[in-house]
PDB file of N, CA and C in Angstrom:
ATOM      1  N   MET A   1     122.430  65.722  20.378  1.00  0.00           N
ATOM      2  CA  MET A   1     123.632  65.258  21.056  1.00  0.00           C
ATOM      3  C   MET A   1     124.375  66.477  21.602  1.00  0.00           C
ATOM      4  N   LEU A   2     124.722  66.391  22.845  1.00  0.00           N
ATOM      5  CA  LEU A   2     125.529  67.425  23.477  1.00  0.00           C
ATOM      6  C   LEU A   2     126.999  67.113  23.211  1.00  0.00           C
ATOM      7  N   VAL A   3     127.748  68.085  22.732  1.00  0.00           N
ATOM      8  CA  VAL A   3     129.175  67.893  22.457  1.00  0.00           C
ATOM      9  C   VAL A   3     129.960  68.805  23.390  1.00  0.00           C
ATOM     10  N   LEU A   4     130.882  68.212  24.158  1.00  0.00           N
ATOM     11  CA  LEU A   4     131.692  68.954  25.118  1.00  0.00           C
ATOM     12  C   LEU A   4     133.168  68.674  24.878  1.00  0.00           C
ATOM     13  N   SER A   5     133.986  69.639  25.156  1.00  0.00           N
ATOM     14  CA  SER A   5     135.440  69.436  25.138  1.00  0.00           C
ATOM     15  C   SER A   5     135.922  69.351  26.580  1.00  0.00           C
ATOM     16  N   ARG A   6     136.749  68.374  26.865  1.00  0.00           N
ATOM     17  CA  ARG A   6     137.302  68.187  28.199  1.00  0.00           C
ATOM     18  C   ARG A   6     138.774  67.855  28.065  1.00  0.00           C
ATOM     19  N   ARG A   7     139.544  68.223  29.045  1.00  0.00           N
ATOM     20  CA  ARG A   7     140.968  67.901  29.090  1.00  0.00           C
ATOM     21  C   ARG A   7     141.211  66.846  30.158  1.00  0.00           C
ATOM     22  N   LYS A   8     142.400  66.293  30.157  1.00  0.00           N
ATOM     23  CA  LYS A   8     142.781  65.305  31.154  1.00  0.00           C
ATOM     24  C   LYS A   8     142.495  65.843  32.556  1.00  0.00           C
ATOM     25  N   GLY A   9     141.838  65.025  33.363  1.00  0.00           N
ATOM     26  CA  GLY A   9     141.504  65.417  34.731  1.00  0.00           C
ATOM     27  C   GLY A   9     140.163  66.118  34.860  1.00  0.00           C
ATOM     28  N   GLU A  10     139.592  66.570  33.759  1.00  0.00           N
ATOM     29  CA  GLU A  10     138.282  67.221  33.814  1.00  0.00           C
ATOM     30  C   GLU A  10     137.182  66.161  33.716  1.00  0.00           C
ATOM     31  N   SER A  11     135.996  66.540  34.141  1.00  0.00           N
ATOM     32  CA  SER A  11     134.916  65.558  34.174  1.00  0.00           C
ATOM     33  C   SER A  11     133.599  66.138  33.686  1.00  0.00           C
ATOM     34  N   ILE A  12     132.650  65.246  33.539  1.00  0.00           N
ATOM     35  CA  ILE A  12     131.278  65.577  33.140  1.00  0.00           C
ATOM     36  C   ILE A  12     130.362  64.897  34.147  1.00  0.00           C
ATOM     37  N   MET A  13     129.357  65.589  34.623  1.00  0.00           N
ATOM     38  CA  MET A  13     128.381  65.008  35.550  1.00  0.00           C
ATOM     39  C   MET A  13     127.096  64.699  34.797  1.00  0.00           C
ATOM     40  N   ILE A  14     126.543  63.521  35.065  1.00  0.00           N
ATOM     41  CA  ILE A  14     125.232  63.140  34.550  1.00  0.00           C
ATOM     42  C   ILE A  14     124.343  62.953  35.759  1.00  0.00           C
ATOM     43  N   SER A  15     123.359  63.811  35.881  1.00  0.00           N
ATOM     44  CA  SER A  15     122.499  63.843  37.052  1.00  0.00           C
ATOM     45  C   SER A  15     123.383  64.099  38.279  1.00  0.00           C
ATOM     46  N   ASP A  16     122.964  63.603  39.426  1.00  0.00           N
ATOM     47  CA  ASP A  16     123.747  63.819  40.645  1.00  0.00           C
ATOM     48  C   ASP A  16     124.646  62.643  40.985  1.00  0.00           C
ATOM     49  N   THR A  17     124.557  61.560  40.209  1.00  0.00           N
ATOM     50  CA  THR A  17     125.202  60.331  40.647  1.00  0.00           C
ATOM     51  C   THR A  17     126.247  59.755  39.704  1.00  0.00           C
ATOM     52  N   ILE A  18     126.354  60.273  38.487  1.00  0.00           N
ATOM     53  CA  ILE A  18     127.294  59.699  37.523  1.00  0.00           C
ATOM     54  C   ILE A  18     128.301  60.751  37.088  1.00  0.00           C
ATOM     55  N   GLU A  19     129.574  60.416  37.244  1.00  0.00           N
ATOM     56  CA  GLU A  19     130.648  61.320  36.837  1.00  0.00           C
ATOM     57  C   GLU A  19     131.553  60.591  35.844  1.00  0.00           C
ATOM     58  N   ILE A  20     131.819  61.239  34.730  1.00  0.00           N
ATOM     59  CA  ILE A  20     132.732  60.699  33.718  1.00  0.00           C
ATOM     60  C   ILE A  20     133.972  61.577  33.724  1.00  0.00           C
ATOM     61  N   VAL A  21     135.129  60.952  33.949  1.00  0.00           N
ATOM     62  CA  VAL A  21     136.393  61.677  34.095  1.00  0.00           C
ATOM     63  C   VAL A  21     137.323  61.299  32.945  1.00  0.00           C
ATOM     64  N   VAL A  22     137.946  62.288  32.320  1.00  0.00           N
ATOM     65  CA  VAL A  22     138.965  62.026  31.312  1.00  0.00           C
ATOM     66  C   VAL A  22     140.252  61.702  32.067  1.00  0.00           C
ATOM     67  N   LEU A  23     140.709  60.456  31.935  1.00  0.00           N
ATOM     68  CA  LEU A  23     141.897  60.021  32.654  1.00  0.00           C
ATOM     69  C   LEU A  23     143.169  60.236  31.840  1.00  0.00           C
ATOM     70  N   GLU A  24     143.068  59.999  30.541  1.00  0.00           N
ATOM     71  CA  GLU A  24     144.261  60.028  29.704  1.00  0.00           C
ATOM     72  C   GLU A  24     143.863  60.139  28.238  1.00  0.00           C
ATOM     73  N   THR A  25     144.675  60.808  27.459  1.00  0.00           N
ATOM     74  CA  THR A  25     144.509  60.820  26.013  1.00  0.00           C
ATOM     75  C   THR A  25     145.837  60.427  25.386  1.00  0.00           C
ATOM     76  N   GLU A  26     145.746  59.583  24.366  1.00  0.00           N
ATOM     77  CA  GLU A  26     146.945  59.146  23.664  1.00  0.00           C
ATOM     78  C   GLU A  26     146.582  58.958  22.201  1.00  0.00           C
ATOM     79  N   GLY A  27     147.035  59.860  21.348  1.00  0.00           N
ATOM     80  CA  GLY A  27     146.658  59.799  19.940  1.00  0.00           C
ATOM     81  C   GLY A  27     145.161  59.963  19.803  1.00  0.00           C
ATOM     82  N   GLU A  28     144.525  58.995  19.157  1.00  0.00           N
ATOM     83  CA  GLU A  28     143.074  59.048  18.972  1.00  0.00           C
ATOM     84  C   GLU A  28     142.312  58.296  20.063  1.00  0.00           C
ATOM     85  N   THR A  29     143.015  57.831  21.079  1.00  0.00           N
ATOM     86  CA  THR A  29     142.387  57.073  22.158  1.00  0.00           C
ATOM     87  C   THR A  29     142.212  57.949  23.387  1.00  0.00           C
ATOM     88  N   VAL A  30     141.040  57.853  23.973  1.00  0.00           N
ATOM     89  CA  VAL A  30     140.731  58.576  25.212  1.00  0.00           C
ATOM     90  C   VAL A  30     140.376  57.542  26.265  1.00  0.00           C
ATOM     91  N   LYS A  31     140.994  57.616  27.429  1.00  0.00           N
ATOM     92  CA  LYS A  31     140.678  56.707  28.525  1.00  0.00           C
ATOM     93  C   LYS A  31     139.769  57.460  29.495  1.00  0.00           C
ATOM     94  N   LEU A  32     138.593  56.880  29.748  1.00  0.00           N
ATOM     95  CA  LEU A  32     137.601  57.507  30.617  1.00  0.00           C
ATOM     96  C   LEU A  32     137.426  56.688  31.888  1.00  0.00           C
ATOM     97  N   GLY A  33     137.152  57.362  32.970  1.00  0.00           N
ATOM     98  CA  GLY A  33     136.760  56.716  34.213  1.00  0.00           C
ATOM     99  C   GLY A  33     135.316  57.081  34.485  1.00  0.00           C
ATOM    100  N   ILE A  34     134.540  56.128  34.958  1.00  0.00           N
ATOM    101  CA  ILE A  34     133.126  56.374  35.226  1.00  0.00           C
ATOM    102  C   ILE A  34     132.835  56.041  36.680  1.00  0.00           C
ATOM    103  N   LYS A  35     132.353  57.022  37.409  1.00  0.00           N
ATOM    104  CA  LYS A  35     131.930  56.822  38.798  1.00  0.00           C
ATOM    105  C   LYS A  35     130.410  56.820  38.807  1.00  0.00           C
ATOM    106  N   ALA A  36     129.828  55.692  39.240  1.00  0.00           N
ATOM    107  CA  ALA A  36     128.373  55.572  39.252  1.00  0.00           C
ATOM    108  C   ALA A  36     127.966  54.612  40.358  1.00  0.00           C
ATOM    109  N   PRO A  37     126.717  54.695  40.798  1.00  0.00           N
ATOM    110  CA  PRO A  37     126.234  53.736  41.796  1.00  0.00           C
ATOM    111  C   PRO A  37     126.344  52.314  41.259  1.00  0.00           C
ATOM    112  N   LYS A  38     126.504  51.362  42.160  1.00  0.00           N
ATOM    113  CA  LYS A  38     126.675  49.960  41.758  1.00  0.00           C
ATOM    114  C   LYS A  38     125.470  49.412  41.009  1.00  0.00           C
ATOM    115  N   ASN A  39     124.293  49.987  41.227  1.00  0.00           N
ATOM    116  CA  ASN A  39     123.097  49.477  40.551  1.00  0.00           C
ATOM    117  C   ASN A  39     122.971  49.986  39.106  1.00  0.00           C
ATOM    118  N   VAL A  40     123.875  50.847  38.672  1.00  0.00           N
ATOM    119  CA  VAL A  40     123.856  51.353  37.299  1.00  0.00           C
ATOM    120  C   VAL A  40     124.751  50.471  36.444  1.00  0.00           C
ATOM    121  N   GLU A  41     124.160  49.837  35.422  1.00  0.00           N
ATOM    122  CA  GLU A  41     124.936  48.996  34.525  1.00  0.00           C
ATOM    123  C   GLU A  41     125.670  49.875  33.516  1.00  0.00           C
ATOM    124  N   ILE A  42     126.940  49.587  33.293  1.00  0.00           N
ATOM    125  CA  ILE A  42     127.752  50.345  32.345  1.00  0.00           C
ATOM    126  C   ILE A  42     128.444  49.347  31.426  1.00  0.00           C
ATOM    127  N   HIS A  43     128.246  49.522  30.121  1.00  0.00           N
ATOM    128  CA  HIS A  43     128.836  48.630  29.125  1.00  0.00           C
ATOM    129  C   HIS A  43     129.377  49.458  27.967  1.00  0.00           C
ATOM    130  N   ARG A  44     130.398  48.922  27.293  1.00  0.00           N
ATOM    131  CA  ARG A  44     130.779  49.489  26.004  1.00  0.00           C
ATOM    132  C   ARG A  44     129.607  49.246  25.060  1.00  0.00           C
ATOM    133  N   LYS A  45     129.422  50.124  24.081  1.00  0.00           N
ATOM    134  CA  LYS A  45     128.242  50.024  23.228  1.00  0.00           C
ATOM    135  C   LYS A  45     128.167  48.678  22.513  1.00  0.00           C
ATOM    136  N   GLU A  46     129.296  48.156  22.008  1.00  0.00           N
ATOM    137  CA  GLU A  46     129.245  46.887  21.280  1.00  0.00           C
ATOM    138  C   GLU A  46     128.822  45.741  22.195  1.00  0.00           C
ATOM    139  N   VAL A  47     129.187  45.795  23.456  1.00  0.00           N
ATOM    140  CA  VAL A  47     128.761  44.777  24.426  1.00  0.00           C
ATOM    141  C   VAL A  47     127.274  44.948  24.715  1.00  0.00           C
ATOM    142  N   TYR A  48     126.839  46.185  24.899  1.00  0.00           N
ATOM    143  CA  TYR A  48     125.424  46.475  25.157  1.00  0.00           C
ATOM    144  C   TYR A  48     124.553  45.959  24.011  1.00  0.00           C
ATOM    145  N   MET A  49     124.995  46.211  22.762  1.00  0.00           N
ATOM    146  CA  MET A  49     124.225  45.773  21.600  1.00  0.00           C
ATOM    147  C   MET A  49     124.162  44.242  21.539  1.00  0.00           C
ATOM    148  N   ALA A  50     125.251  43.563  21.872  1.00  0.00           N
ATOM    149  CA  ALA A  50     125.260  42.096  21.883  1.00  0.00           C
ATOM    150  C   ALA A  50     124.302  41.556  22.947  1.00  0.00           C
ATOM    151  N   ILE A  51     124.258  42.197  24.103  1.00  0.00           N
ATOM    152  CA  ILE A  51     123.330  41.798  25.167  1.00  0.00           C
ATOM    153  C   ILE A  51     121.892  41.971  24.699  1.00  0.00           C
ATOM    154  N   GLN A  52     121.608  43.113  24.058  1.00  0.00           N
ATOM    155  CA  GLN A  52     120.255  43.361  23.563  1.00  0.00           C
ATOM    156  C   GLN A  52     119.838  42.305  22.539  1.00  0.00           C
ATOM    157  N   GLU A  53     120.742  41.973  21.617  1.00  0.00           N
ATOM    158  CA  GLU A  53     120.440  40.963  20.597  1.00  0.00           C
ATOM    159  C   GLU A  53     120.189  39.607  21.244  1.00  0.00           C
ATOM    160  N   SER A  54     121.009  39.259  22.215  1.00  0.00           N
ATOM    161  CA  SER A  54     120.832  37.995  22.927  1.00  0.00           C
ATOM    162  C   SER A  54     119.478  37.962  23.635  1.00  0.00           C
ATOM    163  N   ASN A  55     119.088  39.074  24.231  1.00  0.00           N
ATOM    164  CA  ASN A  55     117.790  39.154  24.903  1.00  0.00           C
ATOM    165  C   ASN A  55     116.645  39.006  23.910  1.00  0.00           C
ATOM    166  N   ARG A  56     116.780  39.631  22.723  1.00  0.00           N
ATOM    167  CA  ARG A  56     115.741  39.507  21.694  1.00  0.00           C
ATOM    168  C   ARG A  56     115.616  38.056  21.236  1.00  0.00           C
ATOM    169  N   GLU A  57     116.741  37.383  21.023  1.00  0.00           N
ATOM    170  CA  GLU A  57     116.719  35.983  20.595  1.00  0.00           C
ATOM    171  C   GLU A  57     116.076  35.100  21.664  1.00  0.00           C
ATOM    172  N   ALA A  58     116.441  35.319  22.907  1.00  0.00           N
ATOM    173  CA  ALA A  58     115.870  34.526  24.000  1.00  0.00           C
ATOM    174  C   ALA A  58     114.370  34.760  24.096  1.00  0.00           C
ATOM    175  N   SER A  59     113.952  35.988  23.907  1.00  0.00           N
ATOM    176  CA  SER A  59     112.536  36.328  23.980  1.00  0.00           C
ATOM    177  C   SER A  59     111.760  35.653  22.850  1.00  0.00           C
ATOM    178  N   SER A  60     112.312  35.668  21.641  1.00  0.00           N
ATOM    179  CA  SER A  60     111.609  35.039  20.517  1.00  0.00           C
ATOM    180  C   SER A  60     111.592  33.523  20.685  1.00  0.00           C
ATOM    181  N   ASP A  61     112.644  32.943  21.258  1.00  0.00           N
ATOM    182  CA  ASP A  61     112.663  31.505  21.530  1.00  0.00           C
ATOM    183  C   ASP A  61     111.561  31.139  22.522  1.00  0.00           C
ATOM    184  N   LYS A  62     111.381  31.972  23.550  1.00  0.00           N
ATOM    185  CA  LYS A  62     110.332  31.714  24.543  1.00  0.00           C
ATOM    186  C   LYS A  62     108.958  31.797  23.893  1.00  0.00           C
ATOM    187  N   ALA A  63     108.763  32.806  23.021  1.00  0.00           N
ATOM    188  CA  ALA A  63     107.468  32.971  22.356  1.00  0.00           C
ATOM    189  C   ALA A  63     107.169  31.758  21.479  1.00  0.00           C
ATOM    190  N   ALA A  64     108.176  31.273  20.755  1.00  0.00           N
ATOM    191  CA  ALA A  64     107.973  30.099  19.900  1.00  0.00           C
ATOM    192  C   ALA A  64     107.652  28.872  20.750  1.00  0.00           C
ATOM    193  N   LEU A  65     108.329  28.705  21.857  1.00  0.00           N
ATOM    194  CA  LEU A  65     108.072  27.577  22.748  1.00  0.00           C
ATOM    195  C   LEU A  65     106.652  27.648  23.316  1.00  0.00           C
ATOM    196  N   LEU A  66     106.231  28.850  23.712  1.00  0.00           N
ATOM    197  CA  LEU A  66     104.874  29.004  24.238  1.00  0.00           C
ATOM    198  C   LEU A  66     103.824  28.688  23.182  1.00  0.00           C
ATOM    199  N   GLN A  67     104.096  29.092  21.930  1.00  0.00           N
ATOM    200  CA  GLN A  67     103.158  28.769  20.843  1.00  0.00           C
ATOM    201  C   GLN A  67     103.081  27.261  20.634  1.00  0.00           C
ATOM    202  N   LYS A  68     104.224  26.584  20.688  1.00  0.00           N
ATOM    203  CA  LYS A  68     104.234  25.135  20.542  1.00  0.00           C
ATOM    204  C   LYS A  68     103.461  24.477  21.680  1.00  0.00           C
ATOM    205  N   LEU A  69     103.693  24.959  22.898  1.00  0.00           N
ATOM    206  CA  LEU A  69     102.986  24.397  24.046  1.00  0.00           C
ATOM    207  C   LEU A  69     101.486  24.633  23.945  1.00  0.00           C
ATOM    208  N   ALA A  70     101.098  25.801  23.491  1.00  0.00           N
ATOM    209  CA  ALA A  70      99.677  26.116  23.334  1.00  0.00           C
ATOM    210  C   ALA A  70      99.060  25.201  22.282  1.00  0.00           C
ATOM    211  N   GLY A  71      99.790  24.946  21.194  1.00  0.00           N
ATOM    212  CA  GLY A  71      99.298  24.035  20.147  1.00  0.00           C
ATOM    213  C   GLY A  71      99.208  22.619  20.659  1.00  0.00           C
ATOM    214  N   TRP A  72     100.138  22.218  21.514  1.00  0.00           N
ATOM    215  CA  TRP A  72     100.141  20.871  22.080  1.00  0.00           C
ATOM    216  C   TRP A  72      98.881  20.668  22.911  1.00  0.00           C
ATOM    217  N   GLU A  73      98.517  21.704  23.686  1.00  0.00           N
ATOM    218  CA  GLU A  73      97.299  21.621  24.507  1.00  0.00           C
ATOM    219  C   GLU A  73      96.087  21.507  23.621  1.00  0.00           C
ATOM    220  N   ASP A  74      96.056  22.191  22.469  1.00  0.00           N
ATOM    221  CA  ASP A  74      94.906  22.146  21.564  1.00  0.00           C
ATOM    222  C   ASP A  74      94.740  20.769  20.940  1.00  0.00           C
ATOM    223  N   ASP A  75      95.843  20.037  20.773  1.00  0.00           N
ATOM    224  CA  ASP A  75      95.818  18.725  20.133  1.00  0.00           C
ATOM    225  C   ASP A  75      95.168  17.658  21.019  1.00  0.00           C
ATOM    226  N   LYS A  76      95.113  17.904  22.317  1.00  0.00           N
ATOM    227  CA  LYS A  76      94.568  16.895  23.244  1.00  0.00           C
ATOM    228  C   LYS A  76      93.068  16.833  23.194  1.00  0.00           C
TER     229      LYS A  76
END
């Protein structure tokens, strides 16, 4: 993990297309601005993890349905 110190108004570049700017600090809270191409998805980690879990559940549901359908074909 790269650890950097930045002050209000300073930024960090990721590749040539993503810039993270420190907008404000208040106590233990830091407000960040992210400039990135529209095709780059940006989520808070807890939202990202919920999306991943939802995708895993949907995928396992599809696999179970396909197994049921395959068994249905075998029964004929």
